[in-house]
Amino acid sequence: MRIIYRAENIIDANLVKGALETEGINAFVSGAYLTGAMGELPVSNLVSVMVSDSDVERASTIAHSIDAALRQAPEDDPDPFAATLPA
């Protein structure tokens, strides 16, 4: 198995995993339980998504497109829930 995506958090990792599984690629989230040990120190590169060696190329393409979408979302709409919350 190889790492194809290093996530900032568990939610992003599971989004990528779900998208991969929708495309028929088995994926595994590694390090999900390590984030519970975080304290006040900044921690990075704990959570990653892994796939089998034979799926790396196809899975990397999917993971990169999801990562790009996740990075774009806040810039396009800084507060997506503003219209749905009462004043």
PDB file of N, CA and C in Angstrom:
ATOM      1  N   MET A   1       0.847  -1.176   0.000  1.00  0.00           N
ATOM      2  CA  MET A   1       0.000   0.000   0.000  1.00  0.00           C
ATOM      3  C   MET A   1       0.888   1.234   0.000  1.00  0.00           C
ATOM      4  N   ARG A   2       0.378   2.280  -0.647  1.00  0.00           N
ATOM      5  CA  ARG A   2       1.123   3.540  -0.713  1.00  0.00           C
ATOM      6  C   ARG A   2       0.218   4.704  -0.338  1.00  0.00           C
ATOM      7  N   ILE A   3       0.825   5.714   0.259  1.00  0.00           N
ATOM      8  CA  ILE A   3       0.095   6.929   0.612  1.00  0.00           C
ATOM      9  C   ILE A   3      -0.099   7.753  -0.654  1.00  0.00           C
ATOM     10  N   ILE A   4      -1.352   8.160  -0.901  1.00  0.00           N
ATOM     11  CA  ILE A   4      -1.625   9.001  -2.063  1.00  0.00           C
ATOM     12  C   ILE A   4      -2.123  10.383  -1.658  1.00  0.00           C
ATOM     13  N   TYR A   5      -2.464  10.541  -0.364  1.00  0.00           N
ATOM     14  CA  TYR A   5      -2.993  11.829   0.085  1.00  0.00           C
ATOM     15  C   TYR A   5      -2.701  12.007   1.567  1.00  0.00           C
ATOM     16  N   ARG A   6      -2.115  13.138   1.920  1.00  0.00           N
ATOM     17  CA  ARG A   6      -1.910  13.500   3.326  1.00  0.00           C
ATOM     18  C   ARG A   6      -2.946  14.565   3.669  1.00  0.00           C
ATOM     19  N   ALA A   7      -3.825  14.217   4.576  1.00  0.00           N
ATOM     20  CA  ALA A   7      -4.963  15.081   4.899  1.00  0.00           C
ATOM     21  C   ALA A   7      -4.651  16.016   6.061  1.00  0.00           C
ATOM     22  N   GLU A   8      -5.329  17.150   6.060  1.00  0.00           N
ATOM     23  CA  GLU A   8      -5.211  18.084   7.176  1.00  0.00           C
ATOM     24  C   GLU A   8      -6.016  17.600   8.378  1.00  0.00           C
ATOM     25  N   ASN A   9      -7.065  16.815   8.105  1.00  0.00           N
ATOM     26  CA  ASN A   9      -7.913  16.319   9.184  1.00  0.00           C
ATOM     27  C   ASN A   9      -8.623  15.040   8.747  1.00  0.00           C
ATOM     28  N   ILE A  10      -9.316  14.431   9.681  1.00  0.00           N
ATOM     29  CA  ILE A  10      -9.996  13.163   9.423  1.00  0.00           C
ATOM     30  C   ILE A  10     -11.115  13.337   8.409  1.00  0.00           C
ATOM     31  N   ILE A  11     -11.795  14.465   8.455  1.00  0.00           N
ATOM     32  CA  ILE A  11     -12.916  14.700   7.540  1.00  0.00           C
ATOM     33  C   ILE A  11     -12.435  14.709   6.095  1.00  0.00           C
ATOM     34  N   ASP A  12     -11.375  15.445   5.811  1.00  0.00           N
ATOM     35  CA  ASP A  12     -10.835  15.482   4.448  1.00  0.00           C
ATOM     36  C   ASP A  12     -10.390  14.095   3.988  1.00  0.00           C
ATOM     37  N   ALA A  13      -9.765  13.355   4.891  1.00  0.00           N
ATOM     38  CA  ALA A  13      -9.299  12.005   4.547  1.00  0.00           C
ATOM     39  C   ALA A  13     -10.474  11.105   4.183  1.00  0.00           C
ATOM     40  N   ASN A  14     -11.546  11.204   4.936  1.00  0.00           N
ATOM     41  CA  ASN A  14     -12.700  10.362   4.652  1.00  0.00           C
ATOM     42  C   ASN A  14     -13.449  10.806   3.394  1.00  0.00           C
ATOM     43  N   LEU A  15     -13.403  12.095   3.073  1.00  0.00           N
ATOM     44  CA  LEU A  15     -13.970  12.553   1.796  1.00  0.00           C
ATOM     45  C   LEU A  15     -13.233  11.909   0.626  1.00  0.00           C
ATOM     46  N   VAL A  16     -11.921  11.904   0.706  1.00  0.00           N
ATOM     47  CA  VAL A  16     -11.113  11.296  -0.354  1.00  0.00           C
ATOM     48  C   VAL A  16     -11.362   9.791  -0.407  1.00  0.00           C
ATOM     49  N   LYS A  17     -11.378   9.152   0.752  1.00  0.00           N
ATOM     50  CA  LYS A  17     -11.624   7.708   0.807  1.00  0.00           C
ATOM     51  C   LYS A  17     -12.971   7.365   0.184  1.00  0.00           C
ATOM     52  N   GLY A  18     -14.003   8.124   0.527  1.00  0.00           N
ATOM     53  CA  GLY A  18     -15.332   7.874  -0.025  1.00  0.00           C
ATOM     54  C   GLY A  18     -15.378   8.034  -1.536  1.00  0.00           C
ATOM     55  N   ALA A  19     -14.708   9.058  -2.046  1.00  0.00           N
ATOM     56  CA  ALA A  19     -14.667   9.281  -3.496  1.00  0.00           C
ATOM     57  C   ALA A  19     -13.935   8.141  -4.196  1.00  0.00           C
ATOM     58  N   LEU A  20     -12.859   7.672  -3.594  1.00  0.00           N
ATOM     59  CA  LEU A  20     -12.114   6.560  -4.182  1.00  0.00           C
ATOM     60  C   LEU A  20     -12.952   5.283  -4.197  1.00  0.00           C
ATOM     61  N   GLU A  21     -13.643   5.023  -3.106  1.00  0.00           N
ATOM     62  CA  GLU A  21     -14.460   3.820  -3.040  1.00  0.00           C
ATOM     63  C   GLU A  21     -15.641   3.886  -4.000  1.00  0.00           C
ATOM     64  N   THR A  22     -16.144   5.085  -4.258  1.00  0.00           N
ATOM     65  CA  THR A  22     -17.199   5.260  -5.258  1.00  0.00           C
ATOM     66  C   THR A  22     -16.709   4.861  -6.640  1.00  0.00           C
ATOM     67  N   GLU A  23     -15.422   5.073  -6.886  1.00  0.00           N
ATOM     68  CA  GLU A  23     -14.812   4.715  -8.172  1.00  0.00           C
ATOM     69  C   GLU A  23     -14.286   3.279  -8.186  1.00  0.00           C
ATOM     70  N   GLY A  24     -14.580   2.525  -7.134  1.00  0.00           N
ATOM     71  CA  GLY A  24     -14.167   1.126  -7.091  1.00  0.00           C
ATOM     72  C   GLY A  24     -12.749   0.887  -6.619  1.00  0.00           C
ATOM     73  N   ILE A  25     -12.160   1.872  -5.963  1.00  0.00           N
ATOM     74  CA  ILE A  25     -10.794   1.748  -5.452  1.00  0.00           C
ATOM     75  C   ILE A  25     -10.857   1.575  -3.941  1.00  0.00           C
ATOM     76  N   ASN A  26     -10.330   0.472  -3.447  1.00  0.00           N
ATOM     77  CA  ASN A  26     -10.284   0.263  -2.004  1.00  0.00           C
ATOM     78  C   ASN A  26      -9.259   1.210  -1.390  1.00  0.00           C
ATOM     79  N   ALA A  27      -9.655   1.898  -0.317  1.00  0.00           N
ATOM     80  CA  ALA A  27      -8.776   2.868   0.329  1.00  0.00           C
ATOM     81  C   ALA A  27      -8.810   2.668   1.836  1.00  0.00           C
ATOM     82  N   PHE A  28      -7.746   3.116   2.489  1.00  0.00           N
ATOM     83  CA  PHE A  28      -7.596   2.978   3.928  1.00  0.00           C
ATOM     84  C   PHE A  28      -7.120   4.306   4.507  1.00  0.00           C
ATOM     85  N   VAL A  29      -7.780   4.767   5.565  1.00  0.00           N
ATOM     86  CA  VAL A  29      -7.349   5.991   6.253  1.00  0.00           C
ATOM     87  C   VAL A  29      -6.415   5.579   7.381  1.00  0.00           C
ATOM     88  N   SER A  30      -5.209   6.089   7.333  1.00  0.00           N
ATOM     89  CA  SER A  30      -4.182   5.772   8.320  1.00  0.00           C
ATOM     90  C   SER A  30      -3.994   6.945   9.270  1.00  0.00           C
ATOM     91  N   GLY A  31      -3.848   6.672  10.535  1.00  0.00           N
ATOM     92  CA  GLY A  31      -3.560   7.712  11.522  1.00  0.00           C
ATOM     93  C   GLY A  31      -4.772   8.431  12.060  1.00  0.00           C
ATOM     94  N   ALA A  32      -5.957   7.942  11.777  1.00  0.00           N
ATOM     95  CA  ALA A  32      -7.177   8.628  12.217  1.00  0.00           C
ATOM     96  C   ALA A  32      -7.267   8.737  13.738  1.00  0.00           C
ATOM     97  N   TYR A  33      -6.770   7.740  14.436  1.00  0.00           N
ATOM     98  CA  TYR A  33      -6.877   7.746  15.897  1.00  0.00           C
ATOM     99  C   TYR A  33      -5.744   8.517  16.568  1.00  0.00           C
ATOM    100  N   LEU A  34      -4.741   8.899  15.819  1.00  0.00           N
ATOM    101  CA  LEU A  34      -3.626   9.645  16.398  1.00  0.00           C
ATOM    102  C   LEU A  34      -3.990  11.092  16.695  1.00  0.00           C
ATOM    103  N   THR A  35      -4.982  11.623  16.002  1.00  0.00           N
ATOM    104  CA  THR A  35      -5.341  13.032  16.205  1.00  0.00           C
ATOM    105  C   THR A  35      -5.947  13.271  17.581  1.00  0.00           C
ATOM    106  N   GLY A  36      -6.451  12.238  18.228  1.00  0.00           N
ATOM    107  CA  GLY A  36      -6.987  12.384  19.575  1.00  0.00           C
ATOM    108  C   GLY A  36      -5.908  12.691  20.596  1.00  0.00           C
ATOM    109  N   ALA A  37      -4.664  12.437  20.263  1.00  0.00           N
ATOM    110  CA  ALA A  37      -3.558  12.678  21.183  1.00  0.00           C
ATOM    111  C   ALA A  37      -2.997  14.096  21.077  1.00  0.00           C
ATOM    112  N   MET A  38      -3.539  14.888  20.156  1.00  0.00           N
ATOM    113  CA  MET A  38      -3.025  16.249  19.975  1.00  0.00           C
ATOM    114  C   MET A  38      -3.319  17.094  21.210  1.00  0.00           C
ATOM    115  N   GLY A  39      -2.381  17.901  21.555  1.00  0.00           N
ATOM    116  CA  GLY A  39      -2.563  18.840  22.656  1.00  0.00           C
ATOM    117  C   GLY A  39      -2.506  20.246  22.106  1.00  0.00           C
ATOM    118  N   GLU A  40      -1.685  21.065  22.716  1.00  0.00           N
ATOM    119  CA  GLU A  40      -1.546  22.436  22.265  1.00  0.00           C
ATOM    120  C   GLU A  40      -0.462  22.604  21.215  1.00  0.00           C
ATOM    121  N   LEU A  41       0.310  21.591  20.987  1.00  0.00           N
ATOM    122  CA  LEU A  41       1.369  21.677  19.985  1.00  0.00           C
ATOM    123  C   LEU A  41       0.812  21.413  18.589  1.00  0.00           C
ATOM    124  N   PRO A  42       1.298  22.130  17.592  1.00  0.00           N
ATOM    125  CA  PRO A  42       0.817  21.876  16.231  1.00  0.00           C
ATOM    126  C   PRO A  42       1.323  20.527  15.726  1.00  0.00           C
ATOM    127  N   VAL A  43       0.417  19.770  15.170  1.00  0.00           N
ATOM    128  CA  VAL A  43       0.753  18.450  14.666  1.00  0.00           C
ATOM    129  C   VAL A  43       0.308  18.379  13.213  1.00  0.00           C
ATOM    130  N   SER A  44       1.147  17.799  12.352  1.00  0.00           N
ATOM    131  CA  SER A  44       0.759  17.659  10.958  1.00  0.00           C
ATOM    132  C   SER A  44       1.184  16.305  10.419  1.00  0.00           C
ATOM    133  N   ASN A  45       0.644  15.954   9.303  1.00  0.00           N
ATOM    134  CA  ASN A  45       0.960  14.699   8.608  1.00  0.00           C
ATOM    135  C   ASN A  45       0.634  13.454   9.419  1.00  0.00           C
ATOM    136  N   LEU A  46      -0.416  13.507  10.216  1.00  0.00           N
ATOM    137  CA  LEU A  46      -0.817  12.325  10.969  1.00  0.00           C
ATOM    138  C   LEU A  46      -1.782  11.458  10.179  1.00  0.00           C
ATOM    139  N   VAL A  47      -2.664  12.083   9.413  1.00  0.00           N
ATOM    140  CA  VAL A  47      -3.727  11.366   8.725  1.00  0.00           C
ATOM    141  C   VAL A  47      -3.415  11.284   7.238  1.00  0.00           C
ATOM    142  N   SER A  48      -3.507  10.083   6.690  1.00  0.00           N
ATOM    143  CA  SER A  48      -3.250   9.910   5.264  1.00  0.00           C
ATOM    144  C   SER A  48      -4.201   8.862   4.699  1.00  0.00           C
ATOM    145  N   VAL A  49      -4.326   8.890   3.373  1.00  0.00           N
ATOM    146  CA  VAL A  49      -5.145   7.905   2.669  1.00  0.00           C
ATOM    147  C   VAL A  49      -4.199   7.023   1.864  1.00  0.00           C
ATOM    148  N   MET A  50      -4.406   5.723   1.982  1.00  0.00           N
ATOM    149  CA  MET A  50      -3.537   4.759   1.311  1.00  0.00           C
ATOM    150  C   MET A  50      -4.361   3.879   0.381  1.00  0.00           C
ATOM    151  N   VAL A  51      -3.730   3.476  -0.719  1.00  0.00           N
ATOM    152  CA  VAL A  51      -4.349   2.543  -1.664  1.00  0.00           C
ATOM    153  C   VAL A  51      -3.306   1.498  -2.069  1.00  0.00           C
ATOM    154  N   SER A  52      -3.759   0.444  -2.717  1.00  0.00           N
ATOM    155  CA  SER A  52      -2.822  -0.578  -3.182  1.00  0.00           C
ATOM    156  C   SER A  52      -1.962  -0.018  -4.311  1.00  0.00           C
ATOM    157  N   ASP A  53      -0.804  -0.601  -4.487  1.00  0.00           N
ATOM    158  CA  ASP A  53       0.150  -0.131  -5.493  1.00  0.00           C
ATOM    159  C   ASP A  53      -0.453  -0.079  -6.890  1.00  0.00           C
ATOM    160  N   SER A  54      -1.333  -1.012  -7.208  1.00  0.00           N
ATOM    161  CA  SER A  54      -1.916  -1.057  -8.553  1.00  0.00           C
ATOM    162  C   SER A  54      -2.902   0.083  -8.819  1.00  0.00           C
ATOM    163  N   ASP A  55      -3.402   0.737  -7.756  1.00  0.00           N
ATOM    164  CA  ASP A  55      -4.389   1.815  -7.914  1.00  0.00           C
ATOM    165  C   ASP A  55      -3.811   3.209  -7.729  1.00  0.00           C
ATOM    166  N   VAL A  56      -2.516   3.324  -7.506  1.00  0.00           N
ATOM    167  CA  VAL A  56      -1.904   4.604  -7.153  1.00  0.00           C
ATOM    168  C   VAL A  56      -2.153   5.687  -8.200  1.00  0.00           C
ATOM    169  N   GLU A  57      -1.930   5.396  -9.448  1.00  0.00           N
ATOM    170  CA  GLU A  57      -2.050   6.427 -10.488  1.00  0.00           C
ATOM    171  C   GLU A  57      -3.476   6.965 -10.584  1.00  0.00           C
ATOM    172  N   ARG A  58      -4.435   6.071 -10.667  1.00  0.00           N
ATOM    173  CA  ARG A  58      -5.839   6.499 -10.774  1.00  0.00           C
ATOM    174  C   ARG A  58      -6.313   7.201  -9.502  1.00  0.00           C
ATOM    175  N   ALA A  59      -5.928   6.671  -8.351  1.00  0.00           N
ATOM    176  CA  ALA A  59      -6.345   7.246  -7.073  1.00  0.00           C
ATOM    177  C   ALA A  59      -5.720   8.618  -6.846  1.00  0.00           C
ATOM    178  N   SER A  60      -4.478   8.805  -7.258  1.00  0.00           N
ATOM    179  CA  SER A  60      -3.806  10.099  -7.088  1.00  0.00           C
ATOM    180  C   SER A  60      -4.525  11.195  -7.853  1.00  0.00           C
ATOM    181  N   THR A  61      -4.986  10.884  -9.043  1.00  0.00           N
ATOM    182  CA  THR A  61      -5.718  11.864  -9.845  1.00  0.00           C
ATOM    183  C   THR A  61      -6.993  12.297  -9.133  1.00  0.00           C
ATOM    184  N   ILE A  62      -7.723  11.348  -8.601  1.00  0.00           N
ATOM    185  CA  ILE A  62      -8.966  11.649  -7.881  1.00  0.00           C
ATOM    186  C   ILE A  62      -8.669  12.452  -6.617  1.00  0.00           C
ATOM    187  N   ALA A  63      -7.666  12.035  -5.860  1.00  0.00           N
ATOM    188  CA  ALA A  63      -7.318  12.724  -4.615  1.00  0.00           C
ATOM    189  C   ALA A  63      -6.876  14.154  -4.871  1.00  0.00           C
ATOM    190  N   HIS A  64      -6.101  14.380  -5.925  1.00  0.00           N
ATOM    191  CA  HIS A  64      -5.644  15.739  -6.239  1.00  0.00           C
ATOM    192  C   HIS A  64      -6.806  16.638  -6.636  1.00  0.00           C
ATOM    193  N   SER A  65      -7.785  16.100  -7.355  1.00  0.00           N
ATOM    194  CA  SER A  65      -8.926  16.928  -7.746  1.00  0.00           C
ATOM    195  C   SER A  65      -9.782  17.286  -6.534  1.00  0.00           C
ATOM    196  N   ILE A  66      -9.932  16.356  -5.585  1.00  0.00           N
ATOM    197  CA  ILE A  66     -10.686  16.660  -4.367  1.00  0.00           C
ATOM    198  C   ILE A  66      -9.926  17.668  -3.516  1.00  0.00           C
ATOM    199  N   ASP A  67      -8.622  17.504  -3.404  1.00  0.00           N
ATOM    200  CA  ASP A  67      -7.811  18.440  -2.634  1.00  0.00           C
ATOM    201  C   ASP A  67      -7.915  19.849  -3.216  1.00  0.00           C
ATOM    202  N   ALA A  68      -7.878  19.961  -4.533  1.00  0.00           N
ATOM    203  CA  ALA A  68      -8.011  21.273  -5.181  1.00  0.00           C
ATOM    204  C   ALA A  68      -9.371  21.886  -4.870  1.00  0.00           C
ATOM    205  N   ALA A  69     -10.421  21.082  -4.888  1.00  0.00           N
ATOM    206  CA  ALA A  69     -11.761  21.582  -4.577  1.00  0.00           C
ATOM    207  C   ALA A  69     -11.859  22.023  -3.118  1.00  0.00           C
ATOM    208  N   LEU A  70     -11.233  21.287  -2.214  1.00  0.00           N
ATOM    209  CA  LEU A  70     -11.260  21.662  -0.800  1.00  0.00           C
ATOM    210  C   LEU A  70     -10.523  22.971  -0.553  1.00  0.00           C
ATOM    211  N   ARG A  71      -9.468  23.195  -1.273  1.00  0.00           N
ATOM    212  CA  ARG A  71      -8.701  24.433  -1.102  1.00  0.00           C
ATOM    213  C   ARG A  71      -9.400  25.629  -1.733  1.00  0.00           C
ATOM    214  N   GLN A  72     -10.228  25.412  -2.755  1.00  0.00           N
ATOM    215  CA  GLN A  72     -10.954  26.493  -3.426  1.00  0.00           C
ATOM    216  C   GLN A  72     -12.185  26.929  -2.654  1.00  0.00           C
ATOM    217  N   ALA A  73     -12.863  26.029  -2.014  1.00  0.00           N
ATOM    218  CA  ALA A  73     -14.160  26.296  -1.402  1.00  0.00           C
ATOM    219  C   ALA A  73     -14.183  27.525  -0.492  1.00  0.00           C
ATOM    220  N   PRO A  74     -13.270  27.687   0.455  1.00  0.00           N
ATOM    221  CA  PRO A  74     -13.349  28.856   1.337  1.00  0.00           C
ATOM    222  C   PRO A  74     -13.185  30.191   0.609  1.00  0.00           C
ATOM    223  N   GLU A  75     -12.402  30.218  -0.444  1.00  0.00           N
ATOM    224  CA  GLU A  75     -12.202  31.464  -1.174  1.00  0.00           C
ATOM    225  C   GLU A  75     -13.445  31.858  -1.944  1.00  0.00           C
ATOM    226  N   ASP A  76     -14.148  30.888  -2.513  1.00  0.00           N
ATOM    227  CA  ASP A  76     -15.334  31.169  -3.307  1.00  0.00           C
ATOM    228  C   ASP A  76     -16.486  31.665  -2.446  1.00  0.00           C
ATOM    229  N   ASP A  77     -16.659  31.095  -1.263  1.00  0.00           N
ATOM    230  CA  ASP A  77     -17.757  31.452  -0.376  1.00  0.00           C
ATOM    231  C   ASP A  77     -17.242  31.460   1.059  1.00  0.00           C
ATOM    232  N   PRO A  78     -16.831  32.613   1.562  1.00  0.00           N
ATOM    233  CA  PRO A  78     -16.209  32.664   2.882  1.00  0.00           C
ATOM    234  C   PRO A  78     -17.115  32.181   4.014  1.00  0.00           C
ATOM    235  N   ASP A  79     -18.435  32.322   3.877  1.00  0.00           N
ATOM    236  CA  ASP A  79     -19.350  31.861   4.901  1.00  0.00           C
ATOM    237  C   ASP A  79     -20.551  31.171   4.250  1.00  0.00           C
ATOM    238  N   PRO A  80     -20.420  29.892   3.914  1.00  0.00           N
ATOM    239  CA  PRO A  80     -21.484  29.209   3.178  1.00  0.00           C
ATOM    240  C   PRO A  80     -22.777  29.069   3.957  1.00  0.00           C
ATOM    241  N   PHE A  81     -22.751  29.237   5.293  1.00  0.00           N
ATOM    242  CA  PHE A  81     -23.944  29.058   6.099  1.00  0.00           C
ATOM    243  C   PHE A  81     -24.593  30.382   6.499  1.00  0.00           C
ATOM    244  N   ALA A  82     -24.058  31.495   6.065  1.00  0.00           N
ATOM    245  CA  ALA A  82     -24.572  32.799   6.453  1.00  0.00           C
ATOM    246  C   ALA A  82     -26.032  32.967   6.066  1.00  0.00           C
ATOM    247  N   ALA A  83     -26.431  32.492   4.904  1.00  0.00           N
ATOM    248  CA  ALA A  83     -27.803  32.659   4.427  1.00  0.00           C
ATOM    249  C   ALA A  83     -28.778  31.734   5.161  1.00  0.00           C
ATOM    250  N   THR A  84     -28.295  30.654   5.776  1.00  0.00           N
ATOM    251  CA  THR A  84     -29.203  29.701   6.403  1.00  0.00           C
ATOM    252  C   THR A  84     -29.388  29.927   7.898  1.00  0.00           C
ATOM    253  N   LEU A  85     -28.525  30.728   8.519  1.00  0.00           N
ATOM    254  CA  LEU A  85     -28.640  30.974   9.950  1.00  0.00           C
ATOM    255  C   LEU A  85     -29.484  32.206  10.225  1.00  0.00           C
ATOM    256  N   PRO A  86     -30.305  32.145  11.269  1.00  0.00           N
ATOM    257  CA  PRO A  86     -31.098  33.330  11.622  1.00  0.00           C
ATOM    258  C   PRO A  86     -30.201  34.437  12.165  1.00  0.00           C
ATOM    259  N   ALA A  87     -30.625  35.680  12.017  1.00  0.00           N
ATOM    260  CA  ALA A  87     -29.839  36.837  12.459  1.00  0.00           C
ATOM    261  C   ALA A  87     -29.781  36.976  13.938  1.00  0.00           C
TER     262      ALA A  87
END
